[in-house]
Amino acid sequence: MNFLPYVSGGLLGWSLGANDTANAFGLAVATRTVDRLTAVLLTAVFAMAGAYFGGYPGIRNLGGFAFAGGVNTPMAAFFVMLAAFGALMILLALAVPSSISQGVIGAILGWGLCMGTADFSAAAKFFVSWVVTPVAGGLVCFLLCKFVRRFLENKILGLGHYDLILRIGFFAAGIFGAWSMGANAVANVTGVYGGPLGLLDEKTAALLGGALIALGALTFSRRTMHTVGSRITQLSPLSGLLAVCSYALIVFLYSLVGIPVSGSQAVVGAVIGAGLSKGVGTVDLGVLKNILSAWAITPAAAGGLAFAFGHIYLHFM
C-alpha cells in the first residue's frame, strides 16, 4: 500500500486540530473557567467522537466535489492536501485562527484550474458559507447576549453558586463545540480520500480524520487558543459562554447538511457579536483586520500552490 497520498492529509488533520481547539475551549481558558490541559483533553476526545459519529455527510459532500473537480487520483489528492497544508502552516505559525475549510476548497479549485476541471458553480455553496458562517455566529451571539443581560443575568446571579453554574456551562458548551467541530471538520481532513476516489471507506475516513484532529489538539493548540480567547475583545465569563454556544450551534447545523465550514469564522463572528453587544469600542479592530486578511489570503494561497503542484504533476508524473 502506498502511504504517500495520505501524508499531506495527515499533516493537514494535525494542523486542523491544533488550530480549531481554540474554537471549543479558547474562551473558557481565557476566562480562567477551564484549565488548558483539561480543555485540550476534552477537545481531543469529543472531536474524535463527533467525527466518527457525525462526519459522514461532509465526507460524502466534499469528496464528491473534489472528485468532480479533478482530484481523481491518489497523487492528485496528495498534492491538493499538501497545498492546503502549506498555505495554512504560515497562518498557524502566526497564531491567527485561519480557515482550514477555505484552504481545502481553494486548493481543490486551484488544482481544477490547472487540469481544466474547476467548477466554480459547484463551489458556490462553500463560498456562501464563508459569508454566512461568521455573520450567523455574530448575530446569534449578539441576540443571546442582549436577551440574557436583559432577562436572565440578574436571576442567574441571584441563584448563588454563580461560578459553579458558569463552569458547568463552559464544560457543556465546550464539549458540544468539540463534537460539532469534529463532525464538521473531519471532511476537510479525509473527504478527498473517502469520497468517490475510494481510497478510504467512510468509517475509516471518519475515524482516521478524527484521530488526526485529536493529535493536533493534544500537541500544538496553545497559541491560537490565546488569540481567539483574549485578543479580539475582552469578554466576561457569561459573554464567553454565550459565544461558545453560538459557535457550536452554527457548526453543528452545518455538519447536519454536510457542508464543512470554518469553525474559526463561526467563533470569531460569535466573539465579535458578544463584543458589539457591549459597544463597538470593545472590539480590537487591529486584530480583527489581521484575521479577516488571513481569511482572504488562505484560499488564494492554497489555490496558487495547488495550481503550481498541478503543473509539476502534469510535467513530471
C-alpha atoms as a PDB file:
ATOM      1  CA  MET A   1       0.000   0.000   0.000  1.00  0.00           C
ATOM      2  CA  ASN A   2       1.343   3.446  -0.978  1.00  0.00           C
ATOM      3  CA  PHE A   3       1.065   5.713   2.062  1.00  0.00           C
ATOM      4  CA  LEU A   4       2.403   8.845   0.364  1.00  0.00           C
ATOM      5  CA  PRO A   5      -1.012  10.232  -0.698  1.00  0.00           C
ATOM      6  CA  TYR A   6      -2.148  10.164   2.934  1.00  0.00           C
ATOM      7  CA  VAL A   7       0.847  12.033   4.349  1.00  0.00           C
ATOM      8  CA  SER A   8      -0.331  15.504   3.372  1.00  0.00           C
ATOM      9  CA  GLY A   9      -3.835  14.766   4.653  1.00  0.00           C
ATOM     10  CA  GLY A  10      -2.326  13.639   7.938  1.00  0.00           C
ATOM     11  CA  LEU A  11      -0.373  16.868   8.229  1.00  0.00           C
ATOM     12  CA  LEU A  12      -3.475  18.908   7.465  1.00  0.00           C
ATOM     13  CA  GLY A  13      -5.522  16.987  10.032  1.00  0.00           C
ATOM     14  CA  TRP A  14      -2.884  17.640  12.675  1.00  0.00           C
ATOM     15  CA  SER A  15      -2.832  21.367  11.861  1.00  0.00           C
ATOM     16  CA  LEU A  16      -6.636  21.493  11.934  1.00  0.00           C
ATOM     17  CA  GLY A  17      -6.704  20.040  15.433  1.00  0.00           C
ATOM     18  CA  ALA A  18      -4.023  22.468  16.564  1.00  0.00           C
ATOM     19  CA  ASN A  19      -5.907  25.414  15.081  1.00  0.00           C
ATOM     20  CA  ASP A  20      -9.512  24.568  15.961  1.00  0.00           C
ATOM     21  CA  THR A  21      -9.109  23.522  19.595  1.00  0.00           C
ATOM     22  CA  ALA A  22      -9.320  27.245  20.281  1.00  0.00           C
ATOM     23  CA  ASN A  23     -12.870  27.334  18.975  1.00  0.00           C
ATOM     24  CA  ALA A  24     -14.380  24.960  21.505  1.00  0.00           C
ATOM     25  CA  PHE A  25     -12.489  25.907  24.682  1.00  0.00           C
ATOM     26  CA  GLY A  26     -10.410  29.015  23.957  1.00  0.00           C
ATOM     27  CA  LEU A  27     -12.913  31.327  25.621  1.00  0.00           C
ATOM     28  CA  ALA A  28     -13.226  29.054  28.642  1.00  0.00           C
ATOM     29  CA  VAL A  29      -9.448  29.085  29.063  1.00  0.00           C
ATOM     30  CA  ALA A  30      -9.237  32.859  28.527  1.00  0.00           C
ATOM     31  CA  THR A  31     -11.826  33.495  31.228  1.00  0.00           C
ATOM     32  CA  ARG A  32      -9.983  31.042  33.520  1.00  0.00           C
ATOM     33  CA  THR A  33     -13.052  28.873  33.855  1.00  0.00           C
ATOM     34  CA  VAL A  34     -11.386  25.733  32.464  1.00  0.00           C
ATOM     35  CA  ASP A  35      -7.671  24.981  32.640  1.00  0.00           C
ATOM     36  CA  ARG A  36      -5.866  24.490  29.329  1.00  0.00           C
ATOM     37  CA  LEU A  37      -4.898  20.820  29.823  1.00  0.00           C
ATOM     38  CA  THR A  38      -8.478  19.809  30.600  1.00  0.00           C
ATOM     39  CA  ALA A  39      -9.706  21.815  27.594  1.00  0.00           C
ATOM     40  CA  VAL A  40      -7.251  20.105  25.268  1.00  0.00           C
ATOM     41  CA  LEU A  41      -8.093  16.610  26.511  1.00  0.00           C
ATOM     42  CA  LEU A  42     -11.840  17.135  26.244  1.00  0.00           C
ATOM     43  CA  THR A  43     -11.481  18.603  22.763  1.00  0.00           C
ATOM     44  CA  ALA A  44      -9.430  15.636  21.586  1.00  0.00           C
ATOM     45  CA  VAL A  45     -11.897  13.052  22.915  1.00  0.00           C
ATOM     46  CA  PHE A  46     -15.114  14.685  21.755  1.00  0.00           C
ATOM     47  CA  ALA A  47     -13.803  15.923  18.409  1.00  0.00           C
ATOM     48  CA  MET A  48     -12.845  12.345  17.595  1.00  0.00           C
ATOM     49  CA  ALA A  49     -16.273  11.108  18.694  1.00  0.00           C
ATOM     50  CA  GLY A  50     -18.039  13.790  16.656  1.00  0.00           C
ATOM     51  CA  ALA A  51     -16.003  12.891  13.578  1.00  0.00           C
ATOM     52  CA  TYR A  52     -16.792   9.181  13.876  1.00  0.00           C
ATOM     53  CA  PHE A  53     -20.488   9.504  14.632  1.00  0.00           C
ATOM     54  CA  GLY A  54     -21.409  12.636  12.672  1.00  0.00           C
ATOM     55  CA  GLY A  55     -18.848  13.242   9.928  1.00  0.00           C
ATOM     56  CA  TYR A  56     -20.295  11.189   7.061  1.00  0.00           C
ATOM     57  CA  PRO A  57     -22.442  13.830   5.289  1.00  0.00           C
ATOM     58  CA  GLY A  58     -19.484  16.178   4.985  1.00  0.00           C
ATOM     59  CA  ILE A  59     -17.107  13.423   3.805  1.00  0.00           C
ATOM     60  CA  ARG A  60     -19.529  12.487   1.017  1.00  0.00           C
ATOM     61  CA  ASN A  61     -20.173  16.094   0.026  1.00  0.00           C
ATOM     62  CA  LEU A  62     -16.588  17.311  -0.065  1.00  0.00           C
ATOM     63  CA  GLY A  63     -15.340  14.050  -1.564  1.00  0.00           C
ATOM     64  CA  GLY A  64     -17.800  14.330  -4.430  1.00  0.00           C
ATOM     65  CA  PHE A  65     -16.873  17.960  -5.060  1.00  0.00           C
ATOM     66  CA  ALA A  66     -13.149  17.167  -5.079  1.00  0.00           C
ATOM     67  CA  PHE A  67     -13.513  14.173  -7.408  1.00  0.00           C
ATOM     68  CA  ALA A  68     -15.620  16.131  -9.901  1.00  0.00           C
ATOM     69  CA  GLY A  69     -13.048  18.937  -9.707  1.00  0.00           C
ATOM     70  CA  GLY A  70     -10.208  16.721 -10.911  1.00  0.00           C
ATOM     71  CA  VAL A  71      -8.935  15.210  -7.660  1.00  0.00           C
ATOM     72  CA  ASN A  72      -9.370  11.744  -9.119  1.00  0.00           C
ATOM     73  CA  THR A  73      -6.038  10.022  -8.462  1.00  0.00           C
ATOM     74  CA  PRO A  74      -4.125   9.306  -5.260  1.00  0.00           C
ATOM     75  CA  MET A  75      -1.324  11.706  -6.212  1.00  0.00           C
ATOM     76  CA  ALA A  76      -3.831  14.436  -7.023  1.00  0.00           C
ATOM     77  CA  ALA A  77      -5.229  14.044  -3.507  1.00  0.00           C
ATOM     78  CA  PHE A  78      -1.696  14.224  -2.111  1.00  0.00           C
ATOM     79  CA  PHE A  79      -0.858  17.475  -3.890  1.00  0.00           C
ATOM     80  CA  VAL A  80      -4.175  19.174  -3.103  1.00  0.00           C
ATOM     81  CA  MET A  81      -3.896  18.422   0.590  1.00  0.00           C
ATOM     82  CA  LEU A  82      -0.230  19.425   0.577  1.00  0.00           C
ATOM     83  CA  ALA A  83      -1.167  22.797  -0.942  1.00  0.00           C
ATOM     84  CA  ALA A  84      -3.820  23.391   1.731  1.00  0.00           C
ATOM     85  CA  PHE A  85      -1.402  22.404   4.489  1.00  0.00           C
ATOM     86  CA  GLY A  86       1.401  24.586   3.152  1.00  0.00           C
ATOM     87  CA  ALA A  87      -0.794  27.669   2.986  1.00  0.00           C
ATOM     88  CA  LEU A  88      -2.239  27.143   6.440  1.00  0.00           C
ATOM     89  CA  MET A  89       1.014  26.446   8.271  1.00  0.00           C
ATOM     90  CA  ILE A  90       2.138  30.026   7.772  1.00  0.00           C
ATOM     91  CA  LEU A  91      -1.021  31.353   9.409  1.00  0.00           C
ATOM     92  CA  LEU A  92      -0.803  28.824  12.223  1.00  0.00           C
ATOM     93  CA  ALA A  93       2.753  29.927  12.972  1.00  0.00           C
ATOM     94  CA  LEU A  94       1.444  33.488  13.297  1.00  0.00           C
ATOM     95  CA  ALA A  95      -1.220  32.307  15.786  1.00  0.00           C
ATOM     96  CA  VAL A  96      -4.010  33.542  13.508  1.00  0.00           C
ATOM     97  CA  PRO A  97      -7.197  31.411  13.518  1.00  0.00           C
ATOM     98  CA  SER A  98      -7.127  30.537   9.819  1.00  0.00           C
ATOM     99  CA  SER A  99      -9.833  28.773   7.851  1.00  0.00           C
ATOM    100  CA  ILE A 100      -8.985  25.156   7.106  1.00  0.00           C
ATOM    101  CA  SER A 101     -12.147  24.805   5.029  1.00  0.00           C
ATOM    102  CA  GLN A 102     -11.174  27.727   2.828  1.00  0.00           C
ATOM    103  CA  GLY A 103      -7.713  26.274   2.349  1.00  0.00           C
ATOM    104  CA  VAL A 104      -9.067  22.915   1.190  1.00  0.00           C
ATOM    105  CA  ILE A 105     -11.669  24.419  -1.151  1.00  0.00           C
ATOM    106  CA  GLY A 106      -9.100  26.855  -2.542  1.00  0.00           C
ATOM    107  CA  ALA A 107      -6.656  24.007  -3.179  1.00  0.00           C
ATOM    108  CA  ILE A 108      -9.301  21.897  -4.937  1.00  0.00           C
ATOM    109  CA  LEU A 109     -10.211  24.819  -7.193  1.00  0.00           C
ATOM    110  CA  GLY A 110      -6.556  25.657  -7.889  1.00  0.00           C
ATOM    111  CA  TRP A 111      -5.938  22.061  -8.915  1.00  0.00           C
ATOM    112  CA  GLY A 112      -9.048  22.103 -11.089  1.00  0.00           C
ATOM    113  CA  LEU A 113      -7.933  25.296 -12.810  1.00  0.00           C
ATOM    114  CA  CYS A 114      -4.676  23.614 -13.760  1.00  0.00           C
ATOM    115  CA  MET A 115      -6.453  20.495 -15.001  1.00  0.00           C
ATOM    116  CA  GLY A 116      -9.312  22.323 -16.689  1.00  0.00           C
ATOM    117  CA  THR A 117     -11.886  20.730 -14.372  1.00  0.00           C
ATOM    118  CA  ALA A 118     -12.642  23.537 -11.894  1.00  0.00           C
ATOM    119  CA  ASP A 119     -16.359  24.010 -11.268  1.00  0.00           C
ATOM    120  CA  PHE A 120     -16.979  27.331  -9.529  1.00  0.00           C
ATOM    121  CA  SER A 121     -20.755  26.899  -9.681  1.00  0.00           C
ATOM    122  CA  ALA A 122     -20.458  23.700  -7.625  1.00  0.00           C
ATOM    123  CA  ALA A 123     -18.301  25.634  -5.170  1.00  0.00           C
ATOM    124  CA  ALA A 124     -20.962  28.311  -4.669  1.00  0.00           C
ATOM    125  CA  LYS A 125     -22.411  26.606  -1.576  1.00  0.00           C
ATOM    126  CA  PHE A 126     -18.967  26.729   0.049  1.00  0.00           C
ATOM    127  CA  PHE A 127     -18.446  30.375  -0.925  1.00  0.00           C
ATOM    128  CA  VAL A 128     -21.800  31.319   0.568  1.00  0.00           C
ATOM    129  CA  SER A 129     -20.927  29.548   3.817  1.00  0.00           C
ATOM    130  CA  TRP A 130     -17.791  31.710   4.153  1.00  0.00           C
ATOM    131  CA  VAL A 131     -20.026  34.765   4.435  1.00  0.00           C
ATOM    132  CA  VAL A 132     -22.957  33.252   6.313  1.00  0.00           C
ATOM    133  CA  THR A 133     -20.904  31.468   8.990  1.00  0.00           C
ATOM    134  CA  PRO A 134     -19.308  34.476  10.752  1.00  0.00           C
ATOM    135  CA  VAL A 135     -22.389  36.647  10.236  1.00  0.00           C
ATOM    136  CA  ALA A 136     -24.680  33.996  11.686  1.00  0.00           C
ATOM    137  CA  GLY A 137     -22.317  33.366  14.612  1.00  0.00           C
ATOM    138  CA  GLY A 138     -22.168  37.075  15.355  1.00  0.00           C
ATOM    139  CA  LEU A 139     -25.888  37.636  15.050  1.00  0.00           C
ATOM    140  CA  VAL A 140     -26.844  34.674  17.226  1.00  0.00           C
ATOM    141  CA  CYS A 141     -24.376  35.673  19.930  1.00  0.00           C
ATOM    142  CA  PHE A 142     -25.361  39.347  19.801  1.00  0.00           C
ATOM    143  CA  LEU A 143     -29.029  38.462  20.312  1.00  0.00           C
ATOM    144  CA  LEU A 144     -28.240  35.922  23.034  1.00  0.00           C
ATOM    145  CA  CYS A 145     -26.138  38.438  24.945  1.00  0.00           C
ATOM    146  CA  LYS A 146     -28.814  41.109  24.744  1.00  0.00           C
ATOM    147  CA  PHE A 147     -31.529  38.688  25.833  1.00  0.00           C
ATOM    148  CA  VAL A 148     -29.575  37.184  28.729  1.00  0.00           C
ATOM    149  CA  ARG A 149     -28.447  40.554  30.077  1.00  0.00           C
ATOM    150  CA  ARG A 150     -31.967  41.921  29.992  1.00  0.00           C
ATOM    151  CA  PHE A 151     -33.954  38.975  31.273  1.00  0.00           C
ATOM    152  CA  LEU A 152     -31.736  36.317  32.853  1.00  0.00           C
ATOM    153  CA  GLU A 153     -28.428  37.636  34.177  1.00  0.00           C
ATOM    154  CA  ASN A 154     -29.787  39.037  37.437  1.00  0.00           C
ATOM    155  CA  LYS A 155     -31.760  35.856  38.038  1.00  0.00           C
ATOM    156  CA  ILE A 156     -28.625  33.761  37.480  1.00  0.00           C
ATOM    157  CA  LEU A 157     -26.675  35.980  39.865  1.00  0.00           C
ATOM    158  CA  GLY A 158     -29.398  35.545  42.432  1.00  0.00           C
ATOM    159  CA  LEU A 159     -29.230  31.763  42.335  1.00  0.00           C
ATOM    160  CA  GLY A 160     -25.931  31.575  44.180  1.00  0.00           C
ATOM    161  CA  HIS A 161     -23.042  29.368  43.114  1.00  0.00           C
ATOM    162  CA  TYR A 162     -22.686  31.611  40.049  1.00  0.00           C
ATOM    163  CA  ASP A 163     -19.125  30.454  39.321  1.00  0.00           C
ATOM    164  CA  LEU A 164     -20.136  26.802  39.508  1.00  0.00           C
ATOM    165  CA  ILE A 165     -23.026  27.361  37.107  1.00  0.00           C
ATOM    166  CA  LEU A 166     -20.718  29.086  34.616  1.00  0.00           C
ATOM    167  CA  ARG A 167     -18.129  26.352  34.938  1.00  0.00           C
ATOM    168  CA  ILE A 168     -20.683  23.642  34.204  1.00  0.00           C
ATOM    169  CA  GLY A 169     -21.977  25.705  31.296  1.00  0.00           C
ATOM    170  CA  PHE A 170     -18.491  26.093  29.816  1.00  0.00           C
ATOM    171  CA  PHE A 171     -17.827  22.378  30.093  1.00  0.00           C
ATOM    172  CA  ALA A 172     -21.127  21.519  28.402  1.00  0.00           C
ATOM    173  CA  ALA A 173     -20.761  24.143  25.666  1.00  0.00           C
ATOM    174  CA  GLY A 174     -17.115  23.219  25.038  1.00  0.00           C
ATOM    175  CA  ILE A 175     -17.936  19.529  24.719  1.00  0.00           C
ATOM    176  CA  PHE A 176     -20.772  20.337  22.305  1.00  0.00           C
ATOM    177  CA  GLY A 177     -18.421  22.634  20.384  1.00  0.00           C
ATOM    178  CA  ALA A 178     -15.702  19.964  20.173  1.00  0.00           C
ATOM    179  CA  TRP A 179     -18.221  17.364  18.975  1.00  0.00           C
ATOM    180  CA  SER A 180     -19.595  19.755  16.347  1.00  0.00           C
ATOM    181  CA  MET A 181     -16.084  20.679  15.233  1.00  0.00           C
ATOM    182  CA  GLY A 182     -15.138  17.030  14.743  1.00  0.00           C
ATOM    183  CA  ALA A 183     -18.343  16.204  12.884  1.00  0.00           C
ATOM    184  CA  ASN A 184     -17.986  19.167  10.571  1.00  0.00           C
ATOM    185  CA  ALA A 185     -14.222  19.433  10.071  1.00  0.00           C
ATOM    186  CA  VAL A 186     -13.317  15.787   9.510  1.00  0.00           C
ATOM    187  CA  ALA A 187     -14.378  16.145   5.868  1.00  0.00           C
ATOM    188  CA  ASN A 188     -11.586  18.670   5.366  1.00  0.00           C
ATOM    189  CA  VAL A 189      -9.066  16.061   6.505  1.00  0.00           C
ATOM    190  CA  THR A 190     -10.172  12.864   4.753  1.00  0.00           C
ATOM    191  CA  GLY A 191     -13.040  13.837   2.441  1.00  0.00           C
ATOM    192  CA  VAL A 192     -10.886  13.714  -0.698  1.00  0.00           C
ATOM    193  CA  TYR A 193      -9.809  10.167   0.217  1.00  0.00           C
ATOM    194  CA  GLY A 194     -13.182   8.852   1.365  1.00  0.00           C
ATOM    195  CA  GLY A 195     -15.427  10.154  -1.419  1.00  0.00           C
ATOM    196  CA  PRO A 196     -15.745   8.690  -4.929  1.00  0.00           C
ATOM    197  CA  LEU A 197     -11.951   8.318  -5.129  1.00  0.00           C
ATOM    198  CA  GLY A 198     -12.407   5.410  -2.734  1.00  0.00           C
ATOM    199  CA  LEU A 199      -9.011   5.350  -1.045  1.00  0.00           C
ATOM    200  CA  LEU A 200     -10.750   5.084   2.340  1.00  0.00           C
ATOM    201  CA  ASP A 201     -14.171   3.770   3.247  1.00  0.00           C
ATOM    202  CA  GLU A 202     -16.363   6.248   5.121  1.00  0.00           C
ATOM    203  CA  LYS A 203     -15.886   4.770   8.587  1.00  0.00           C
ATOM    204  CA  THR A 204     -12.122   4.631   8.211  1.00  0.00           C
ATOM    205  CA  ALA A 205     -12.086   8.182   6.842  1.00  0.00           C
ATOM    206  CA  ALA A 206     -14.110   9.424   9.816  1.00  0.00           C
ATOM    207  CA  LEU A 207     -12.058   7.531  12.411  1.00  0.00           C
ATOM    208  CA  LEU A 208      -8.680   8.441  10.935  1.00  0.00           C
ATOM    209  CA  GLY A 209      -9.645  12.076  10.417  1.00  0.00           C
ATOM    210  CA  GLY A 210     -10.928  12.357  13.975  1.00  0.00           C
ATOM    211  CA  ALA A 211      -7.725  10.812  15.353  1.00  0.00           C
ATOM    212  CA  LEU A 212      -5.575  13.284  13.424  1.00  0.00           C
ATOM    213  CA  ILE A 213      -7.627  16.229  14.698  1.00  0.00           C
ATOM    214  CA  ALA A 214      -7.256  14.901  18.248  1.00  0.00           C
ATOM    215  CA  LEU A 215      -3.489  14.619  17.786  1.00  0.00           C
ATOM    216  CA  GLY A 216      -3.271  18.246  16.689  1.00  0.00           C
ATOM    217  CA  ALA A 217      -5.307  19.346  19.685  1.00  0.00           C
ATOM    218  CA  LEU A 218      -3.003  17.490  22.051  1.00  0.00           C
ATOM    219  CA  THR A 219       0.279  18.763  20.631  1.00  0.00           C
ATOM    220  CA  PHE A 220       0.086  22.319  19.308  1.00  0.00           C
ATOM    221  CA  SER A 221      -3.019  24.269  20.236  1.00  0.00           C
ATOM    222  CA  ARG A 222      -1.840  26.795  22.823  1.00  0.00           C
ATOM    223  CA  ARG A 223      -1.103  29.867  20.666  1.00  0.00           C
ATOM    224  CA  THR A 224      -4.326  30.052  18.639  1.00  0.00           C
ATOM    225  CA  MET A 225      -6.322  29.461  21.815  1.00  0.00           C
ATOM    226  CA  HIS A 226      -4.843  32.688  23.168  1.00  0.00           C
ATOM    227  CA  THR A 227      -5.758  34.662  20.009  1.00  0.00           C
ATOM    228  CA  VAL A 228      -9.419  33.674  19.976  1.00  0.00           C
ATOM    229  CA  GLY A 229      -9.812  33.794  23.720  1.00  0.00           C
ATOM    230  CA  SER A 230      -8.486  37.184  24.652  1.00  0.00           C
ATOM    231  CA  ARG A 231      -7.082  39.356  21.877  1.00  0.00           C
ATOM    232  CA  ILE A 232     -10.180  40.175  19.789  1.00  0.00           C
ATOM    233  CA  THR A 233     -12.203  41.572  22.677  1.00  0.00           C
ATOM    234  CA  GLN A 234     -12.295  41.189  26.438  1.00  0.00           C
ATOM    235  CA  LEU A 235     -15.289  39.107  27.413  1.00  0.00           C
ATOM    236  CA  SER A 236     -16.954  38.433  30.719  1.00  0.00           C
ATOM    237  CA  PRO A 237     -17.299  34.738  31.558  1.00  0.00           C
ATOM    238  CA  LEU A 238     -21.027  34.835  30.744  1.00  0.00           C
ATOM    239  CA  SER A 239     -20.463  36.509  27.358  1.00  0.00           C
ATOM    240  CA  GLY A 240     -17.739  33.982  26.601  1.00  0.00           C
ATOM    241  CA  LEU A 241     -20.098  31.129  27.391  1.00  0.00           C
ATOM    242  CA  LEU A 242     -22.746  32.530  25.048  1.00  0.00           C
ATOM    243  CA  ALA A 243     -20.137  32.929  22.301  1.00  0.00           C
ATOM    244  CA  VAL A 244     -19.165  29.253  22.581  1.00  0.00           C
ATOM    245  CA  CYS A 245     -22.833  28.219  22.461  1.00  0.00           C
ATOM    246  CA  SER A 246     -23.359  30.315  19.321  1.00  0.00           C
ATOM    247  CA  TYR A 247     -20.298  28.860  17.608  1.00  0.00           C
ATOM    248  CA  ALA A 248     -21.237  25.269  18.464  1.00  0.00           C
ATOM    249  CA  LEU A 249     -24.798  25.689  17.213  1.00  0.00           C
ATOM    250  CA  ILE A 250     -23.775  27.128  13.837  1.00  0.00           C
ATOM    251  CA  VAL A 251     -21.112  24.482  13.182  1.00  0.00           C
ATOM    252  CA  PHE A 252     -23.437  21.667  14.298  1.00  0.00           C
ATOM    253  CA  LEU A 253     -26.169  22.779  11.896  1.00  0.00           C
ATOM    254  CA  TYR A 254     -23.716  22.848   9.003  1.00  0.00           C
ATOM    255  CA  SER A 255     -22.486  19.362   9.903  1.00  0.00           C
ATOM    256  CA  LEU A 256     -26.037  18.059   9.528  1.00  0.00           C
ATOM    257  CA  VAL A 257     -26.256  19.282   5.917  1.00  0.00           C
ATOM    258  CA  GLY A 258     -22.734  18.130   5.080  1.00  0.00           C
ATOM    259  CA  ILE A 259     -21.049  21.459   4.344  1.00  0.00           C
ATOM    260  CA  PRO A 260     -17.650  21.781   6.026  1.00  0.00           C
ATOM    261  CA  VAL A 261     -17.296  25.345   7.288  1.00  0.00           C
ATOM    262  CA  SER A 262     -14.696  27.307   9.155  1.00  0.00           C
ATOM    263  CA  GLY A 263     -15.148  26.895  12.876  1.00  0.00           C
ATOM    264  CA  SER A 264     -12.750  29.806  13.294  1.00  0.00           C
ATOM    265  CA  GLN A 265     -15.093  32.027  11.303  1.00  0.00           C
ATOM    266  CA  ALA A 266     -18.025  30.943  13.451  1.00  0.00           C
ATOM    267  CA  VAL A 267     -16.289  31.550  16.772  1.00  0.00           C
ATOM    268  CA  VAL A 268     -14.690  34.834  15.706  1.00  0.00           C
ATOM    269  CA  GLY A 269     -18.079  36.023  14.496  1.00  0.00           C
ATOM    270  CA  ALA A 270     -19.584  34.996  17.831  1.00  0.00           C
ATOM    271  CA  VAL A 271     -16.863  36.800  19.806  1.00  0.00           C
ATOM    272  CA  ILE A 272     -17.408  39.944  17.750  1.00  0.00           C
ATOM    273  CA  GLY A 273     -21.161  39.671  18.319  1.00  0.00           C
ATOM    274  CA  ALA A 274     -20.569  39.432  22.057  1.00  0.00           C
ATOM    275  CA  GLY A 275     -18.278  42.453  21.939  1.00  0.00           C
ATOM    276  CA  LEU A 276     -20.676  44.503  19.836  1.00  0.00           C
ATOM    277  CA  SER A 277     -23.476  43.790  22.283  1.00  0.00           C
ATOM    278  CA  LYS A 278     -21.500  45.995  24.696  1.00  0.00           C
ATOM    279  CA  GLY A 279     -20.479  48.594  22.101  1.00  0.00           C
ATOM    280  CA  VAL A 280     -18.243  48.892  19.020  1.00  0.00           C
ATOM    281  CA  GLY A 281     -15.328  50.211  21.069  1.00  0.00           C
ATOM    282  CA  THR A 282     -14.877  46.874  22.847  1.00  0.00           C
ATOM    283  CA  VAL A 283     -13.620  45.121  19.685  1.00  0.00           C
ATOM    284  CA  ASP A 284      -9.916  45.293  18.789  1.00  0.00           C
ATOM    285  CA  LEU A 285     -10.190  46.262  15.129  1.00  0.00           C
ATOM    286  CA  GLY A 286      -6.481  45.691  14.520  1.00  0.00           C
ATOM    287  CA  VAL A 287      -6.658  42.013  15.473  1.00  0.00           C
ATOM    288  CA  LEU A 288      -9.921  41.654  13.581  1.00  0.00           C
ATOM    289  CA  LYS A 289      -8.322  43.121  10.442  1.00  0.00           C
ATOM    290  CA  ASN A 290      -5.489  40.589  10.624  1.00  0.00           C
ATOM    291  CA  ILE A 291      -7.945  37.708  10.949  1.00  0.00           C
ATOM    292  CA  LEU A 292     -10.077  38.912   8.027  1.00  0.00           C
ATOM    293  CA  SER A 293      -6.957  39.324   5.921  1.00  0.00           C
ATOM    294  CA  ALA A 294      -5.952  35.737   6.675  1.00  0.00           C
ATOM    295  CA  TRP A 295      -9.376  34.504   5.590  1.00  0.00           C
ATOM    296  CA  ALA A 296      -8.992  36.345   2.274  1.00  0.00           C
ATOM    297  CA  ILE A 297      -5.438  35.140   1.688  1.00  0.00           C
ATOM    298  CA  THR A 298      -5.955  31.484   2.683  1.00  0.00           C
ATOM    299  CA  PRO A 299      -7.951  30.196  -0.340  1.00  0.00           C
ATOM    300  CA  ALA A 300      -5.874  32.225  -2.799  1.00  0.00           C
ATOM    301  CA  ALA A 301      -2.587  30.939  -1.368  1.00  0.00           C
ATOM    302  CA  ALA A 302      -3.781  27.323  -1.240  1.00  0.00           C
ATOM    303  CA  GLY A 303      -5.176  27.610  -4.760  1.00  0.00           C
ATOM    304  CA  GLY A 304      -1.937  29.060  -6.069  1.00  0.00           C
ATOM    305  CA  LEU A 305       0.119  26.284  -4.522  1.00  0.00           C
ATOM    306  CA  ALA A 306      -2.226  23.609  -5.880  1.00  0.00           C
ATOM    307  CA  PHE A 307      -2.060  25.187  -9.343  1.00  0.00           C
ATOM    308  CA  ALA A 308       1.743  25.057  -9.218  1.00  0.00           C
ATOM    309  CA  PHE A 309       1.730  21.471  -7.952  1.00  0.00           C
ATOM    310  CA  GLY A 310      -0.635  20.583 -10.791  1.00  0.00           C
ATOM    311  CA  HIS A 311       1.905  21.740 -13.348  1.00  0.00           C
ATOM    312  CA  ILE A 312       4.591  19.674 -11.626  1.00  0.00           C
ATOM    313  CA  TYR A 313       2.254  16.678 -11.725  1.00  0.00           C
ATOM    314  CA  LEU A 314       1.492  17.093 -15.433  1.00  0.00           C
ATOM    315  CA  HIS A 315       5.087  17.557 -16.499  1.00  0.00           C
ATOM    316  CA  PHE A 316       6.925  15.073 -14.320  1.00  0.00           C
ATOM    317  CA  MET A 317       4.472  12.283 -13.408  1.00  0.00           C
END
